[in-house]
Amino acid sequence: VYPLETTAAGVNVDALAPTGAAKDVLVVGYGQS
């Protein structure tokens, strides 16, 4: 829809777990950006 060169960033929501509140979050591919 807009040029990728001027797309600031993106967030992927694949599937979040219905297992209750957690003290952490998982970052898949940690260390990339």
Full PDB file with SEQRES, HELIX, SHEET, SSBOND, CRYST1, ORIGX, SCALE, CONECT and MASTER records, all heavy atoms in Angstrom:
SEQRES   1 A   33  VAL TYR PRO LEU GLU THR THR ALA ALA GLY VAL ASN VAL          
SEQRES   2 A   33  ASP ALA LEU ALA PRO THR GLY ALA ALA LYS ASP VAL LEU          
SEQRES   3 A   33  VAL VAL GLY TYR GLY GLN SER                                  
HELIX    1 AA1 LEU A    4  THR A    6  5                                   3    
CRYST1    1.000    1.000    1.000  90.00  90.00  90.00 P 1           1          
ORIGX1      1.000000  0.000000  0.000000        0.00000                         
ORIGX2      0.000000  1.000000  0.000000        0.00000                         
ORIGX3      0.000000  0.000000  1.000000        0.00000                         
SCALE1      1.000000  0.000000  0.000000        0.00000                         
SCALE2      0.000000  1.000000  0.000000        0.00000                         
SCALE3      0.000000  0.000000  1.000000        0.00000                         
ATOM      1  N   VAL A   1       0.844  -1.202   0.000  1.00  0.00           N  
ATOM      2  CA  VAL A   1       0.000   0.000   0.000  1.00  0.00           C  
ATOM      3  C   VAL A   1       0.873   1.243   0.000  1.00  0.00           C  
ATOM      4  O   VAL A   1       0.594   2.218  -0.703  1.00  0.00           O  
ATOM      5  CB  VAL A   1      -0.927  -0.010   1.235  1.00  0.00           C  
ATOM      6  CG1 VAL A   1      -1.718   1.300   1.326  1.00  0.00           C  
ATOM      7  CG2 VAL A   1      -1.875  -1.188   1.177  1.00  0.00           C  
ATOM      8  N   TYR A   2       1.940   1.216   0.773  1.00  0.00           N  
ATOM      9  CA  TYR A   2       2.933   2.286   0.817  1.00  0.00           C  
ATOM     10  C   TYR A   2       4.304   1.678   0.516  1.00  0.00           C  
ATOM     11  O   TYR A   2       4.539   0.509   0.811  1.00  0.00           O  
ATOM     12  CB  TYR A   2       2.950   2.961   2.190  1.00  0.00           C  
ATOM     13  CG  TYR A   2       1.641   3.588   2.577  1.00  0.00           C  
ATOM     14  CD1 TYR A   2       0.806   2.981   3.519  1.00  0.00           C  
ATOM     15  CD2 TYR A   2       1.219   4.785   2.002  1.00  0.00           C  
ATOM     16  CE1 TYR A   2      -0.409   3.556   3.871  1.00  0.00           C  
ATOM     17  CE2 TYR A   2       0.007   5.355   2.346  1.00  0.00           C  
ATOM     18  CZ  TYR A   2      -0.804   4.741   3.278  1.00  0.00           C  
ATOM     19  OH  TYR A   2      -2.004   5.307   3.621  1.00  0.00           O  
ATOM     20  N   PRO A   3       5.214   2.461  -0.054  1.00  0.00           N  
ATOM     21  CA  PRO A   3       6.539   1.909  -0.398  1.00  0.00           C  
ATOM     22  C   PRO A   3       7.220   1.290   0.827  1.00  0.00           C  
ATOM     23  O   PRO A   3       7.202   1.864   1.916  1.00  0.00           O  
ATOM     24  CB  PRO A   3       7.313   3.124  -0.912  1.00  0.00           C  
ATOM     25  CG  PRO A   3       6.262   4.084  -1.373  1.00  0.00           C  
ATOM     26  CD  PRO A   3       5.101   3.888  -0.447  1.00  0.00           C  
ATOM     27  N   LEU A   4       7.822   0.145   0.641  1.00  0.00           N  
ATOM     28  CA  LEU A   4       8.505  -0.512   1.752  1.00  0.00           C  
ATOM     29  C   LEU A   4       9.713   0.288   2.218  1.00  0.00           C  
ATOM     30  O   LEU A   4      10.094   0.218   3.391  1.00  0.00           O  
ATOM     31  CB  LEU A   4       8.936  -1.923   1.341  1.00  0.00           C  
ATOM     32  CG  LEU A   4       7.803  -2.896   1.002  1.00  0.00           C  
ATOM     33  CD1 LEU A   4       8.365  -4.284   0.729  1.00  0.00           C  
ATOM     34  CD2 LEU A   4       6.748  -2.951   2.102  1.00  0.00           C  
ATOM     35  N   GLU A   5      10.317   1.066   1.328  1.00  0.00           N  
ATOM     36  CA  GLU A   5      11.471   1.874   1.704  1.00  0.00           C  
ATOM     37  C   GLU A   5      11.117   2.900   2.775  1.00  0.00           C  
ATOM     38  O   GLU A   5      11.968   3.278   3.584  1.00  0.00           O  
ATOM     39  CB  GLU A   5      12.047   2.590   0.486  1.00  0.00           C  
ATOM     40  CG  GLU A   5      12.636   1.673  -0.568  1.00  0.00           C  
ATOM     41  CD  GLU A   5      11.584   1.095  -1.499  1.00  0.00           C  
ATOM     42  OE1 GLU A   5      10.388   1.414  -1.328  1.00  0.00           O  
ATOM     43  OE2 GLU A   5      11.957   0.321  -2.403  1.00  0.00           O  
ATOM     44  N   THR A   6       9.868   3.359   2.771  1.00  0.00           N  
ATOM     45  CA  THR A   6       9.424   4.344   3.759  1.00  0.00           C  
ATOM     46  C   THR A   6       8.373   3.757   4.700  1.00  0.00           C  
ATOM     47  O   THR A   6       7.599   4.498   5.305  1.00  0.00           O  
ATOM     48  CB  THR A   6       8.882   5.602   3.057  1.00  0.00           C  
ATOM     49  OG1 THR A   6       7.908   5.227   2.073  1.00  0.00           O  
ATOM     50  CG2 THR A   6      10.020   6.363   2.393  1.00  0.00           C  
ATOM     51  N   THR A   7       8.345   2.456   4.824  1.00  0.00           N  
ATOM     52  CA  THR A   7       7.566   1.795   5.867  1.00  0.00           C  
ATOM     53  C   THR A   7       8.464   1.701   7.092  1.00  0.00           C  
ATOM     54  O   THR A   7       9.531   1.084   7.036  1.00  0.00           O  
ATOM     55  CB  THR A   7       7.119   0.394   5.421  1.00  0.00           C  
ATOM     56  OG1 THR A   7       6.243   0.510   4.287  1.00  0.00           O  
ATOM     57  CG2 THR A   7       6.395  -0.329   6.548  1.00  0.00           C  
ATOM     58  N   ALA A   8       8.057   2.345   8.177  1.00  0.00           N  
ATOM     59  CA  ALA A   8       8.936   2.462   9.345  1.00  0.00           C  
ATOM     60  C   ALA A   8       9.260   1.107   9.954  1.00  0.00           C  
ATOM     61  O   ALA A   8      10.419   0.823  10.281  1.00  0.00           O  
ATOM     62  CB  ALA A   8       8.303   3.374  10.388  1.00  0.00           C  
ATOM     63  N   ALA A   9       8.252   0.279  10.115  1.00  0.00           N  
ATOM     64  CA  ALA A   9       8.454  -1.015  10.761  1.00  0.00           C  
ATOM     65  C   ALA A   9       7.168  -1.817  10.669  1.00  0.00           C  
ATOM     66  O   ALA A   9       6.120  -1.311  10.250  1.00  0.00           O  
ATOM     67  CB  ALA A   9       8.860  -0.843  12.222  1.00  0.00           C  
ATOM     68  N   GLY A  10       7.247  -3.061  11.076  1.00  0.00           N  
ATOM     69  CA  GLY A  10       6.074  -3.918  11.108  1.00  0.00           C  
ATOM     70  C   GLY A  10       6.109  -4.836  12.314  1.00  0.00           C  
ATOM     71  O   GLY A  10       7.176  -5.146  12.853  1.00  0.00           O  
ATOM     72  N   VAL A  11       4.923  -5.239  12.757  1.00  0.00           N  
ATOM     73  CA  VAL A  11       4.789  -6.158  13.887  1.00  0.00           C  
ATOM     74  C   VAL A  11       3.941  -7.334  13.445  1.00  0.00           C  
ATOM     75  O   VAL A  11       2.842  -7.150  12.904  1.00  0.00           O  
ATOM     76  CB  VAL A  11       4.137  -5.464  15.099  1.00  0.00           C  
ATOM     77  CG1 VAL A  11       3.899  -6.462  16.216  1.00  0.00           C  
ATOM     78  CG2 VAL A  11       5.014  -4.317  15.592  1.00  0.00           C  
ATOM     79  N   ASN A  12       4.436  -8.521  13.666  1.00  0.00           N  
ATOM     80  CA  ASN A  12       3.714  -9.729  13.280  1.00  0.00           C  
ATOM     81  C   ASN A  12       2.996 -10.313  14.491  1.00  0.00           C  
ATOM     82  O   ASN A  12       3.598 -10.578  15.520  1.00  0.00           O  
ATOM     83  CB  ASN A  12       4.703 -10.758  12.711  1.00  0.00           C  
ATOM     84  CG  ASN A  12       4.008 -12.048  12.297  1.00  0.00           C  
ATOM     85  OD1 ASN A  12       2.838 -12.056  11.938  1.00  0.00           O  
ATOM     86  ND2 ASN A  12       4.733 -13.149  12.342  1.00  0.00           N  
ATOM     87  N   VAL A  13       1.683 -10.508  14.358  1.00  0.00           N  
ATOM     88  CA  VAL A  13       0.896 -11.207  15.376  1.00  0.00           C  
ATOM     89  C   VAL A  13       0.456 -12.523  14.746  1.00  0.00           C  
ATOM     90  O   VAL A  13      -0.454 -12.550  13.919  1.00  0.00           O  
ATOM     91  CB  VAL A  13      -0.334 -10.385  15.823  1.00  0.00           C  
ATOM     92  CG1 VAL A  13      -1.113 -11.158  16.879  1.00  0.00           C  
ATOM     93  CG2 VAL A  13       0.094  -9.036  16.357  1.00  0.00           C  
ATOM     94  N   ASP A  14       1.122 -13.589  15.114  1.00  0.00           N  
ATOM     95  CA  ASP A  14       0.792 -14.893  14.533  1.00  0.00           C  
ATOM     96  C   ASP A  14      -0.248 -15.588  15.403  1.00  0.00           C  
ATOM     97  O   ASP A  14      -1.389 -15.790  14.988  1.00  0.00           O  
ATOM     98  CB  ASP A  14       2.068 -15.734  14.408  1.00  0.00           C  
ATOM     99  CG  ASP A  14       1.862 -16.975  13.554  1.00  0.00           C  
ATOM    100  OD1 ASP A  14       0.692 -17.413  13.436  1.00  0.00           O  
ATOM    101  OD2 ASP A  14       2.830 -17.508  13.008  1.00  0.00           O  
ATOM    102  N   ALA A  15       0.136 -15.957  16.604  1.00  0.00           N  
ATOM    103  CA  ALA A  15      -0.808 -16.589  17.537  1.00  0.00           C  
ATOM    104  C   ALA A  15      -0.321 -16.339  18.951  1.00  0.00           C  
ATOM    105  O   ALA A  15       0.817 -16.640  19.283  1.00  0.00           O  
ATOM    106  CB  ALA A  15      -0.901 -18.083  17.262  1.00  0.00           C  
ATOM    107  N   LEU A  16      -1.194 -15.781  19.782  1.00  0.00           N  
ATOM    108  CA  LEU A  16      -0.880 -15.575  21.185  1.00  0.00           C  
ATOM    109  C   LEU A  16      -1.594 -16.638  22.014  1.00  0.00           C  
ATOM    110  O   LEU A  16      -2.675 -17.086  21.650  1.00  0.00           O  
ATOM    111  CB  LEU A  16      -1.292 -14.166  21.616  1.00  0.00           C  
ATOM    112  CG  LEU A  16      -0.615 -13.020  20.849  1.00  0.00           C  
ATOM    113  CD1 LEU A  16      -1.152 -11.670  21.324  1.00  0.00           C  
ATOM    114  CD2 LEU A  16       0.902 -13.076  21.010  1.00  0.00           C  
ATOM    115  N   ALA A  17      -0.976 -17.028  23.101  1.00  0.00           N  
ATOM    116  CA  ALA A  17      -1.461 -18.185  23.855  1.00  0.00           C  
ATOM    117  C   ALA A  17      -2.480 -17.803  24.927  1.00  0.00           C  
ATOM    118  O   ALA A  17      -2.213 -16.906  25.734  1.00  0.00           O  
ATOM    119  CB  ALA A  17      -0.285 -18.906  24.500  1.00  0.00           C  
ATOM    120  N   PRO A  18      -3.623 -18.484  25.000  1.00  0.00           N  
ATOM    121  CA  PRO A  18      -4.635 -18.221  26.034  1.00  0.00           C  
ATOM    122  C   PRO A  18      -4.332 -18.966  27.326  1.00  0.00           C  
ATOM    123  O   PRO A  18      -5.162 -19.710  27.860  1.00  0.00           O  
ATOM    124  CB  PRO A  18      -5.922 -18.731  25.381  1.00  0.00           C  
ATOM    125  CG  PRO A  18      -5.454 -19.892  24.549  1.00  0.00           C  
ATOM    126  CD  PRO A  18      -4.097 -19.501  24.031  1.00  0.00           C  
ATOM    127  N   THR A  19      -3.121 -18.777  27.829  1.00  0.00           N  
ATOM    128  CA  THR A  19      -2.662 -19.515  29.004  1.00  0.00           C  
ATOM    129  C   THR A  19      -2.524 -18.630  30.235  1.00  0.00           C  
ATOM    130  O   THR A  19      -1.957 -19.054  31.236  1.00  0.00           O  
ATOM    131  CB  THR A  19      -1.307 -20.193  28.704  1.00  0.00           C  
ATOM    132  OG1 THR A  19      -0.400 -19.234  28.129  1.00  0.00           O  
ATOM    133  CG2 THR A  19      -1.480 -21.331  27.719  1.00  0.00           C  
ATOM    134  N   GLY A  20      -3.017 -17.400  30.156  1.00  0.00           N  
ATOM    135  CA  GLY A  20      -2.965 -16.510  31.308  1.00  0.00           C  
ATOM    136  C   GLY A  20      -1.807 -15.538  31.236  1.00  0.00           C  
ATOM    137  O   GLY A  20      -0.964 -15.593  30.338  1.00  0.00           O  
ATOM    138  N   ALA A  21      -1.773 -14.638  32.201  1.00  0.00           N  
ATOM    139  CA  ALA A  21      -0.749 -13.582  32.236  1.00  0.00           C  
ATOM    140  C   ALA A  21       0.637 -14.183  32.435  1.00  0.00           C  
ATOM    141  O   ALA A  21       0.813 -15.167  33.161  1.00  0.00           O  
ATOM    142  CB  ALA A  21      -1.068 -12.592  33.348  1.00  0.00           C  
ATOM    143  N   ALA A  22       1.620 -13.569  31.780  1.00  0.00           N  
ATOM    144  CA  ALA A  22       3.003 -14.032  31.872  1.00  0.00           C  
ATOM    145  C   ALA A  22       3.916 -12.883  32.262  1.00  0.00           C  
ATOM    146  O   ALA A  22       3.618 -11.715  32.012  1.00  0.00           O  
ATOM    147  CB  ALA A  22       3.459 -14.632  30.547  1.00  0.00           C  
ATOM    148  N   LYS A  23       5.043 -13.226  32.856  1.00  0.00           N  
ATOM    149  CA  LYS A  23       6.027 -12.229  33.263  1.00  0.00           C  
ATOM    150  C   LYS A  23       6.957 -11.846  32.125  1.00  0.00           C  
ATOM    151  O   LYS A  23       7.783 -10.936  32.275  1.00  0.00           O  
ATOM    152  CB  LYS A  23       6.853 -12.770  34.428  1.00  0.00           C  
ATOM    153  CG  LYS A  23       6.036 -13.181  35.636  1.00  0.00           C  
ATOM    154  CD  LYS A  23       6.911 -13.874  36.677  1.00  0.00           C  
ATOM    155  CE  LYS A  23       6.099 -14.454  37.809  1.00  0.00           C  
ATOM    156  NZ  LYS A  23       6.952 -15.194  38.772  1.00  0.00           N  
ATOM    157  N   ASP A  24       6.844 -12.537  31.002  1.00  0.00           N  
ATOM    158  CA  ASP A  24       7.754 -12.304  29.880  1.00  0.00           C  
ATOM    159  C   ASP A  24       6.995 -12.342  28.567  1.00  0.00           C  
ATOM    160  O   ASP A  24       5.792 -12.638  28.534  1.00  0.00           O  
ATOM    161  CB  ASP A  24       8.871 -13.363  29.871  1.00  0.00           C  
ATOM    162  CG  ASP A  24       8.327 -14.788  29.760  1.00  0.00           C  
ATOM    163  OD1 ASP A  24       7.083 -14.979  29.853  1.00  0.00           O  
ATOM    164  OD2 ASP A  24       9.129 -15.722  29.579  1.00  0.00           O  
ATOM    165  N   VAL A  25       7.679 -12.005  27.488  1.00  0.00           N  
ATOM    166  CA  VAL A  25       7.189 -12.228  26.131  1.00  0.00           C  
ATOM    167  C   VAL A  25       8.331 -12.881  25.353  1.00  0.00           C  
ATOM    168  O   VAL A  25       9.505 -12.669  25.667  1.00  0.00           O  
ATOM    169  CB  VAL A  25       6.736 -10.935  25.414  1.00  0.00           C  
ATOM    170  CG1 VAL A  25       5.625 -10.242  26.183  1.00  0.00           C  
ATOM    171  CG2 VAL A  25       7.909  -9.991  25.181  1.00  0.00           C  
ATOM    172  N   LEU A  26       7.982 -13.650  24.376  1.00  0.00           N  
ATOM    173  CA  LEU A  26       8.983 -14.280  23.515  1.00  0.00           C  
ATOM    174  C   LEU A  26       9.185 -13.422  22.285  1.00  0.00           C  
ATOM    175  O   LEU A  26       8.208 -13.034  21.627  1.00  0.00           O  
ATOM    176  CB  LEU A  26       8.523 -15.678  23.101  1.00  0.00           C  
ATOM    177  CG  LEU A  26       9.349 -16.377  22.017  1.00  0.00           C  
ATOM    178  CD1 LEU A  26      10.753 -16.683  22.527  1.00  0.00           C  
ATOM    179  CD2 LEU A  26       8.650 -17.643  21.552  1.00  0.00           C  
ATOM    180  N   VAL A  27      10.430 -13.097  21.962  1.00  0.00           N  
ATOM    181  CA  VAL A  27      10.744 -12.432  20.702  1.00  0.00           C  
ATOM    182  C   VAL A  27      11.414 -13.457  19.798  1.00  0.00           C  
ATOM    183  O   VAL A  27      12.529 -13.905  20.066  1.00  0.00           O  
ATOM    184  CB  VAL A  27      11.652 -11.209  20.900  1.00  0.00           C  
ATOM    185  CG1 VAL A  27      12.134 -10.674  19.556  1.00  0.00           C  
ATOM    186  CG2 VAL A  27      10.894 -10.118  21.646  1.00  0.00           C  
ATOM    187  N   VAL A  28      10.696 -13.852  18.759  1.00  0.00           N  
ATOM    188  CA  VAL A  28      11.213 -14.822  17.803  1.00  0.00           C  
ATOM    189  C   VAL A  28      12.224 -14.109  16.897  1.00  0.00           C  
ATOM    190  O   VAL A  28      11.958 -13.016  16.398  1.00  0.00           O  
ATOM    191  CB  VAL A  28      10.067 -15.428  16.975  1.00  0.00           C  
ATOM    192  CG1 VAL A  28      10.609 -16.434  15.960  1.00  0.00           C  
ATOM    193  CG2 VAL A  28       9.036 -16.085  17.885  1.00  0.00           C  
ATOM    194  N   GLY A  29      13.374 -14.727  16.704  1.00  0.00           N  
ATOM    195  CA  GLY A  29      14.421 -14.072  15.931  1.00  0.00           C  
ATOM    196  C   GLY A  29      15.092 -12.963  16.711  1.00  0.00           C  
ATOM    197  O   GLY A  29      15.513 -11.944  16.137  1.00  0.00           O  
ATOM    198  N   TYR A  30      15.195 -13.153  18.003  1.00  0.00           N  
ATOM    199  CA  TYR A  30      15.773 -12.115  18.866  1.00  0.00           C  
ATOM    200  C   TYR A  30      17.175 -11.721  18.385  1.00  0.00           C  
ATOM    201  O   TYR A  30      17.986 -12.559  18.010  1.00  0.00           O  
ATOM    202  CB  TYR A  30      15.865 -12.631  20.300  1.00  0.00           C  
ATOM    203  CG  TYR A  30      16.437 -11.634  21.271  1.00  0.00           C  
ATOM    204  CD1 TYR A  30      15.651 -10.619  21.795  1.00  0.00           C  
ATOM    205  CD2 TYR A  30      17.771 -11.710  21.655  1.00  0.00           C  
ATOM    206  CE1 TYR A  30      16.181  -9.697  22.683  1.00  0.00           C  
ATOM    207  CE2 TYR A  30      18.312 -10.791  22.551  1.00  0.00           C  
ATOM    208  CZ  TYR A  30      17.506  -9.789  23.057  1.00  0.00           C  
ATOM    209  OH  TYR A  30      18.034  -8.872  23.932  1.00  0.00           O  
ATOM    210  N   GLY A  31      17.435 -10.409  18.419  1.00  0.00           N  
ATOM    211  CA  GLY A  31      18.727  -9.895  18.000  1.00  0.00           C  
ATOM    212  C   GLY A  31      18.740  -9.350  16.586  1.00  0.00           C  
ATOM    213  O   GLY A  31      19.775  -8.863  16.120  1.00  0.00           O  
ATOM    214  N   GLN A  32      17.589  -9.377  15.911  1.00  0.00           N  
ATOM    215  CA  GLN A  32      17.550  -8.912  14.531  1.00  0.00           C  
ATOM    216  C   GLN A  32      17.507  -7.390  14.411  1.00  0.00           C  
ATOM    217  O   GLN A  32      18.224  -6.819  13.590  1.00  0.00           O  
ATOM    218  CB  GLN A  32      16.334  -9.522  13.804  1.00  0.00           C  
ATOM    219  CG  GLN A  32      16.478 -10.977  13.416  1.00  0.00           C  
ATOM    220  CD  GLN A  32      17.376 -11.166  12.199  1.00  0.00           C  
ATOM    221  OE1 GLN A  32      17.870 -10.204  11.617  1.00  0.00           O  
ATOM    222  NE2 GLN A  32      17.596 -12.408  11.813  1.00  0.00           N  
ATOM    223  N   SER A  33      16.659  -6.729  15.186  1.00  0.00           N  
ATOM    224  CA  SER A  33      16.469  -5.288  14.978  1.00  0.00           C  
ATOM    225  C   SER A  33      16.395  -4.526  16.285  1.00  0.00           C  
ATOM    226  O   SER A  33      16.220  -5.110  17.367  1.00  0.00           O  
ATOM    227  CB  SER A  33      15.189  -5.031  14.171  1.00  0.00           C  
ATOM    228  OG  SER A  33      14.049  -5.096  15.011  1.00  0.00           O  
TER     229      SER A  33                                                      
MASTER        0    0    0    1    0    0    0    6  228    1    0    3          
END                                                                             
